[in-house]
């Protein structure tokens, strides 16, 4: 189970973008990386692929390592570590370590 999933709100805790908060757009579990909205923007020079496409310099988000971000709990609204809890039916859920609140598993 990953401690960060798509649409989570995270805070960058180390690196050049330390302190920024954003929503997770995509998760890459094999490489332990995430793409966070408006964090680590890079410029890509793109060629027009057809007559209708426009070429130019496009700014987009680049992946950042999961160890450099921390989940922001929706209840206590602080960056927190996560643990694994279990529901009565045996399903595993993420749990906020500071306020013990269950986090969504979508």
N, C-alpha and C. Protein backbone atom coordinates (compact mmCIF):
# COMPACT_ATOMS: atom_id res chain seq x y z
N UNK A 1 0.83 -1.18 0.00
CA UNK A 1 0.00 0.00 0.00
C UNK A 1 0.88 1.25 0.00
N UNK A 2 0.59 2.16 -0.90
CA UNK A 2 1.34 3.40 -0.99
C UNK A 2 0.84 4.39 0.06
N UNK A 3 1.74 5.19 0.60
CA UNK A 3 1.30 6.18 1.58
C UNK A 3 0.81 7.46 0.92
N UNK A 4 1.03 7.60 -0.40
CA UNK A 4 0.52 8.75 -1.15
C UNK A 4 -0.16 8.21 -2.40
N UNK A 5 -1.39 8.68 -2.64
CA UNK A 5 -2.14 8.26 -3.82
C UNK A 5 -2.61 9.50 -4.59
N UNK A 6 -3.19 9.28 -5.76
CA UNK A 6 -3.66 10.36 -6.62
C UNK A 6 -4.71 11.20 -5.88
N UNK A 7 -4.69 12.51 -6.11
CA UNK A 7 -5.59 13.52 -5.54
C UNK A 7 -5.34 13.82 -4.06
N UNK A 8 -4.27 13.28 -3.46
CA UNK A 8 -3.89 13.66 -2.10
C UNK A 8 -3.27 15.06 -2.14
N UNK A 9 -3.39 15.77 -1.04
CA UNK A 9 -2.70 17.04 -0.89
C UNK A 9 -1.40 16.76 -0.15
N UNK A 10 -0.30 17.21 -0.73
CA UNK A 10 1.02 16.95 -0.13
C UNK A 10 1.80 18.25 0.02
N UNK A 11 2.78 18.21 0.92
CA UNK A 11 3.69 19.33 1.11
C UNK A 11 5.10 18.85 0.83
N UNK A 12 5.87 19.62 0.08
CA UNK A 12 7.25 19.27 -0.24
C UNK A 12 8.10 19.59 0.98
N UNK A 13 8.85 18.59 1.47
CA UNK A 13 9.62 18.78 2.71
C UNK A 13 11.12 18.92 2.48
N UNK A 14 11.59 18.70 1.24
CA UNK A 14 13.01 18.89 0.98
C UNK A 14 13.22 19.18 -0.50
N UNK A 15 14.36 19.78 -0.80
CA UNK A 15 14.70 20.10 -2.18
C UNK A 15 14.47 21.57 -2.49
N UNK A 16 14.57 21.90 -3.77
CA UNK A 16 14.43 23.29 -4.20
C UNK A 16 13.03 23.85 -4.00
N UNK A 17 12.04 23.00 -3.94
CA UNK A 17 10.65 23.45 -3.85
C UNK A 17 10.08 23.25 -2.44
N UNK A 18 10.94 23.23 -1.45
CA UNK A 18 10.56 22.98 -0.06
C UNK A 18 9.51 23.99 0.40
N UNK A 19 8.45 23.48 1.02
CA UNK A 19 7.40 24.35 1.55
C UNK A 19 6.18 24.48 0.67
N UNK A 20 6.29 24.11 -0.60
CA UNK A 20 5.15 24.23 -1.51
C UNK A 20 4.13 23.12 -1.23
N UNK A 21 2.86 23.45 -1.40
CA UNK A 21 1.77 22.51 -1.19
C UNK A 21 1.02 22.35 -2.50
N UNK A 22 0.64 21.13 -2.83
CA UNK A 22 -0.08 20.88 -4.07
C UNK A 22 -0.79 19.54 -4.05
N UNK A 23 -1.58 19.31 -5.10
CA UNK A 23 -2.35 18.08 -5.25
C UNK A 23 -1.57 17.12 -6.13
N UNK A 24 -1.60 15.83 -5.80
CA UNK A 24 -0.91 14.81 -6.57
C UNK A 24 -1.71 14.53 -7.84
N UNK A 25 -1.07 14.68 -9.00
CA UNK A 25 -1.73 14.44 -10.27
C UNK A 25 -1.54 13.01 -10.76
N UNK A 26 -0.35 12.45 -10.49
CA UNK A 26 -0.04 11.11 -10.98
C UNK A 26 0.98 10.47 -10.05
N UNK A 27 0.88 9.13 -9.89
CA UNK A 27 1.80 8.39 -9.04
C UNK A 27 2.48 7.32 -9.88
N UNK A 28 3.81 7.18 -9.72
CA UNK A 28 4.58 6.15 -10.39
C UNK A 28 5.13 5.20 -9.33
N UNK A 29 4.40 4.10 -9.01
CA UNK A 29 4.82 3.23 -7.90
C UNK A 29 6.14 2.51 -8.13
N UNK A 30 6.47 2.16 -9.37
CA UNK A 30 7.72 1.42 -9.63
C UNK A 30 8.95 2.25 -9.32
N UNK A 31 8.89 3.56 -9.60
CA UNK A 31 10.05 4.43 -9.38
C UNK A 31 9.90 5.29 -8.13
N UNK A 32 8.79 5.12 -7.37
CA UNK A 32 8.52 5.91 -6.16
C UNK A 32 8.54 7.41 -6.42
N UNK A 33 7.88 7.82 -7.47
CA UNK A 33 7.81 9.24 -7.81
C UNK A 33 6.37 9.68 -7.97
N UNK A 34 6.14 10.97 -7.76
CA UNK A 34 4.81 11.56 -7.93
C UNK A 34 4.93 12.86 -8.70
N UNK A 35 3.86 13.23 -9.39
CA UNK A 35 3.78 14.53 -10.04
C UNK A 35 2.82 15.37 -9.22
N UNK A 36 3.31 16.51 -8.72
CA UNK A 36 2.52 17.40 -7.87
C UNK A 36 2.18 18.65 -8.67
N UNK A 37 0.94 19.08 -8.56
CA UNK A 37 0.44 20.25 -9.29
C UNK A 37 1.22 21.50 -8.90
N UNK A 38 1.73 22.23 -9.90
CA UNK A 38 2.45 23.50 -9.74
C UNK A 38 3.76 23.38 -8.96
N UNK A 39 4.36 22.18 -8.91
CA UNK A 39 5.64 21.98 -8.24
C UNK A 39 6.61 21.37 -9.25
N UNK A 40 7.85 21.84 -9.25
CA UNK A 40 8.92 21.40 -10.14
C UNK A 40 8.52 21.56 -11.61
N UNK A 41 8.21 22.79 -11.98
CA UNK A 41 7.85 23.09 -13.35
C UNK A 41 9.11 23.13 -14.21
N UNK A 42 9.05 22.46 -15.35
CA UNK A 42 10.17 22.46 -16.30
C UNK A 42 9.65 22.93 -17.65
N UNK A 43 10.55 23.41 -18.47
CA UNK A 43 10.17 23.88 -19.80
C UNK A 43 10.59 22.86 -20.84
N UNK A 44 9.67 22.51 -21.72
CA UNK A 44 9.94 21.56 -22.79
C UNK A 44 9.76 22.26 -24.13
N UNK A 45 10.75 22.10 -25.00
CA UNK A 45 10.65 22.66 -26.34
C UNK A 45 10.02 21.60 -27.23
N UNK A 46 8.84 21.89 -27.75
CA UNK A 46 8.11 20.90 -28.53
C UNK A 46 7.97 21.34 -29.98
N UNK A 47 7.99 20.35 -30.84
CA UNK A 47 7.83 20.56 -32.27
C UNK A 47 6.36 20.36 -32.63
N UNK A 48 5.83 21.11 -33.56
CA UNK A 48 4.46 20.82 -34.00
C UNK A 48 4.42 19.48 -34.73
N UNK A 49 3.53 18.59 -34.35
CA UNK A 49 3.44 17.25 -34.93
C UNK A 49 2.56 17.22 -36.17
N UNK A 50 1.66 18.18 -36.32
CA UNK A 50 0.80 18.25 -37.50
C UNK A 50 0.55 19.71 -37.85
N UNK A 51 -0.24 19.95 -38.90
CA UNK A 51 -0.53 21.32 -39.34
C UNK A 51 -1.26 22.11 -38.25
N UNK A 52 -2.16 21.43 -37.49
CA UNK A 52 -2.97 22.12 -36.50
C UNK A 52 -2.23 22.35 -35.17
N UNK A 53 -1.24 21.51 -34.87
CA UNK A 53 -0.51 21.62 -33.60
C UNK A 53 0.36 22.87 -33.59
N UNK A 54 0.53 23.39 -32.40
CA UNK A 54 1.39 24.56 -32.22
C UNK A 54 2.65 24.13 -31.49
N UNK A 55 3.79 24.49 -32.01
CA UNK A 55 5.05 24.19 -31.35
C UNK A 55 5.41 25.33 -30.42
N UNK A 56 6.45 25.14 -29.65
CA UNK A 56 6.89 26.21 -28.76
C UNK A 56 7.41 25.65 -27.45
N UNK A 57 7.53 26.55 -26.49
CA UNK A 57 8.04 26.18 -25.18
C UNK A 57 6.84 25.96 -24.25
N UNK A 58 6.73 24.73 -23.75
CA UNK A 58 5.61 24.36 -22.88
C UNK A 58 6.14 24.13 -21.47
N UNK A 59 5.44 24.68 -20.47
CA UNK A 59 5.83 24.49 -19.08
C UNK A 59 4.95 23.39 -18.48
N UNK A 60 5.59 22.36 -17.90
CA UNK A 60 4.82 21.27 -17.31
C UNK A 60 5.52 20.76 -16.06
N UNK A 61 4.79 19.96 -15.27
CA UNK A 61 5.33 19.43 -14.02
C UNK A 61 6.20 18.22 -14.29
N UNK A 62 7.28 18.09 -13.52
CA UNK A 62 8.17 16.94 -13.61
C UNK A 62 8.01 16.11 -12.32
N UNK A 63 8.32 14.81 -12.37
CA UNK A 63 8.17 13.98 -11.17
C UNK A 63 9.13 14.37 -10.05
N UNK A 64 8.69 14.10 -8.83
CA UNK A 64 9.49 14.34 -7.63
C UNK A 64 9.43 13.06 -6.79
N UNK A 65 10.50 12.74 -6.07
CA UNK A 65 10.53 11.49 -5.31
C UNK A 65 9.57 11.54 -4.12
N UNK A 66 8.93 10.39 -3.85
CA UNK A 66 7.93 10.32 -2.76
C UNK A 66 8.51 10.65 -1.40
N UNK A 67 9.79 10.40 -1.21
CA UNK A 67 10.40 10.68 0.09
C UNK A 67 10.55 12.18 0.33
N UNK A 68 10.41 13.00 -0.71
CA UNK A 68 10.53 14.44 -0.56
C UNK A 68 9.20 15.14 -0.33
N UNK A 69 8.11 14.37 -0.27
CA UNK A 69 6.79 14.96 0.00
C UNK A 69 6.16 14.28 1.20
N UNK A 70 5.27 15.03 1.87
CA UNK A 70 4.58 14.51 3.04
C UNK A 70 3.10 14.79 2.90
N UNK A 71 2.28 13.80 3.22
CA UNK A 71 0.84 13.92 3.12
C UNK A 71 0.31 14.95 4.11
N UNK A 72 -0.63 15.80 3.64
CA UNK A 72 -1.29 16.77 4.51
C UNK A 72 -2.64 16.17 4.90
N UNK A 73 -2.86 15.98 6.20
CA UNK A 73 -4.10 15.38 6.69
C UNK A 73 -5.26 16.35 6.47
N UNK A 74 -6.39 15.88 5.88
CA UNK A 74 -7.52 16.78 5.65
C UNK A 74 -8.19 17.24 6.93
N UNK A 75 -8.09 16.46 8.03
CA UNK A 75 -8.75 16.84 9.28
C UNK A 75 -7.93 17.84 10.08
N UNK A 76 -6.67 17.49 10.37
CA UNK A 76 -5.83 18.38 11.19
C UNK A 76 -5.05 19.37 10.34
N UNK A 77 -5.09 19.23 9.02
CA UNK A 77 -4.45 20.10 8.02
C UNK A 77 -2.97 20.38 8.32
N UNK A 78 -2.26 19.34 8.79
CA UNK A 78 -0.82 19.42 9.02
C UNK A 78 -0.15 18.29 8.27
N UNK A 79 1.10 18.48 7.82
CA UNK A 79 1.83 17.37 7.21
C UNK A 79 2.01 16.26 8.25
N UNK A 80 1.75 15.02 7.84
CA UNK A 80 1.78 13.93 8.80
C UNK A 80 2.29 12.65 8.16
N UNK A 81 2.77 11.74 9.01
CA UNK A 81 3.12 10.42 8.56
C UNK A 81 1.85 9.59 8.53
N UNK A 82 1.88 8.49 7.78
CA UNK A 82 0.69 7.65 7.70
C UNK A 82 1.01 6.26 8.20
N UNK A 83 0.00 5.63 8.74
CA UNK A 83 0.10 4.25 9.18
C UNK A 83 -0.97 3.44 8.48
N UNK A 84 -0.99 2.15 8.74
CA UNK A 84 -1.98 1.28 8.13
C UNK A 84 -2.91 0.78 9.22
N UNK A 85 -4.21 1.02 9.03
CA UNK A 85 -5.22 0.52 9.95
C UNK A 85 -6.06 -0.53 9.24
N UNK A 86 -6.90 -1.20 10.01
CA UNK A 86 -7.72 -2.24 9.41
C UNK A 86 -9.17 -2.01 9.78
N UNK A 87 -10.06 -2.15 8.80
CA UNK A 87 -11.49 -2.03 9.04
C UNK A 87 -12.03 -3.36 9.57
N UNK A 88 -13.29 -3.36 9.99
CA UNK A 88 -13.90 -4.58 10.53
C UNK A 88 -13.98 -5.71 9.50
N UNK A 89 -14.12 -5.31 8.21
CA UNK A 89 -14.21 -6.34 7.17
C UNK A 89 -12.84 -6.82 6.69
N UNK A 90 -11.77 -6.33 7.31
CA UNK A 90 -10.42 -6.79 6.97
C UNK A 90 -9.70 -5.94 5.94
N UNK A 91 -10.37 -4.91 5.42
CA UNK A 91 -9.73 -4.03 4.42
C UNK A 91 -8.74 -3.10 5.11
N UNK A 92 -7.62 -2.85 4.44
CA UNK A 92 -6.60 -1.97 4.99
C UNK A 92 -6.85 -0.53 4.54
N UNK A 93 -6.66 0.42 5.46
CA UNK A 93 -6.83 1.84 5.16
C UNK A 93 -5.64 2.61 5.72
N UNK A 94 -5.42 3.79 5.16
CA UNK A 94 -4.36 4.66 5.66
C UNK A 94 -4.89 5.43 6.87
N UNK A 95 -4.02 5.65 7.86
CA UNK A 95 -4.41 6.35 9.08
C UNK A 95 -3.40 7.45 9.35
N UNK A 96 -3.90 8.64 9.72
CA UNK A 96 -3.05 9.76 10.11
C UNK A 96 -2.42 9.44 11.45
N UNK A 97 -1.09 9.57 11.55
CA UNK A 97 -0.39 9.22 12.79
C UNK A 97 -0.64 10.24 13.90
N UNK A 98 -0.95 11.50 13.56
CA UNK A 98 -1.11 12.51 14.61
C UNK A 98 -2.53 12.55 15.17
N UNK A 99 -3.56 12.49 14.32
CA UNK A 99 -4.94 12.59 14.82
C UNK A 99 -5.71 11.28 14.74
N UNK A 100 -5.07 10.21 14.26
CA UNK A 100 -5.67 8.87 14.16
C UNK A 100 -6.91 8.83 13.25
N UNK A 101 -7.05 9.79 12.36
CA UNK A 101 -8.18 9.86 11.43
C UNK A 101 -7.91 8.93 10.23
N UNK A 102 -8.94 8.20 9.79
CA UNK A 102 -8.80 7.36 8.60
C UNK A 102 -8.80 8.24 7.37
N UNK A 103 -7.90 7.95 6.43
CA UNK A 103 -7.81 8.72 5.20
C UNK A 103 -8.45 7.94 4.07
N UNK A 104 -8.94 8.62 3.07
CA UNK A 104 -9.60 7.95 1.96
C UNK A 104 -8.60 7.06 1.22
N UNK A 105 -9.10 5.97 0.65
CA UNK A 105 -8.24 5.02 -0.05
C UNK A 105 -8.56 4.98 -1.53
N UNK A 106 -9.23 5.99 -2.06
CA UNK A 106 -9.63 6.02 -3.47
C UNK A 106 -8.42 6.03 -4.36
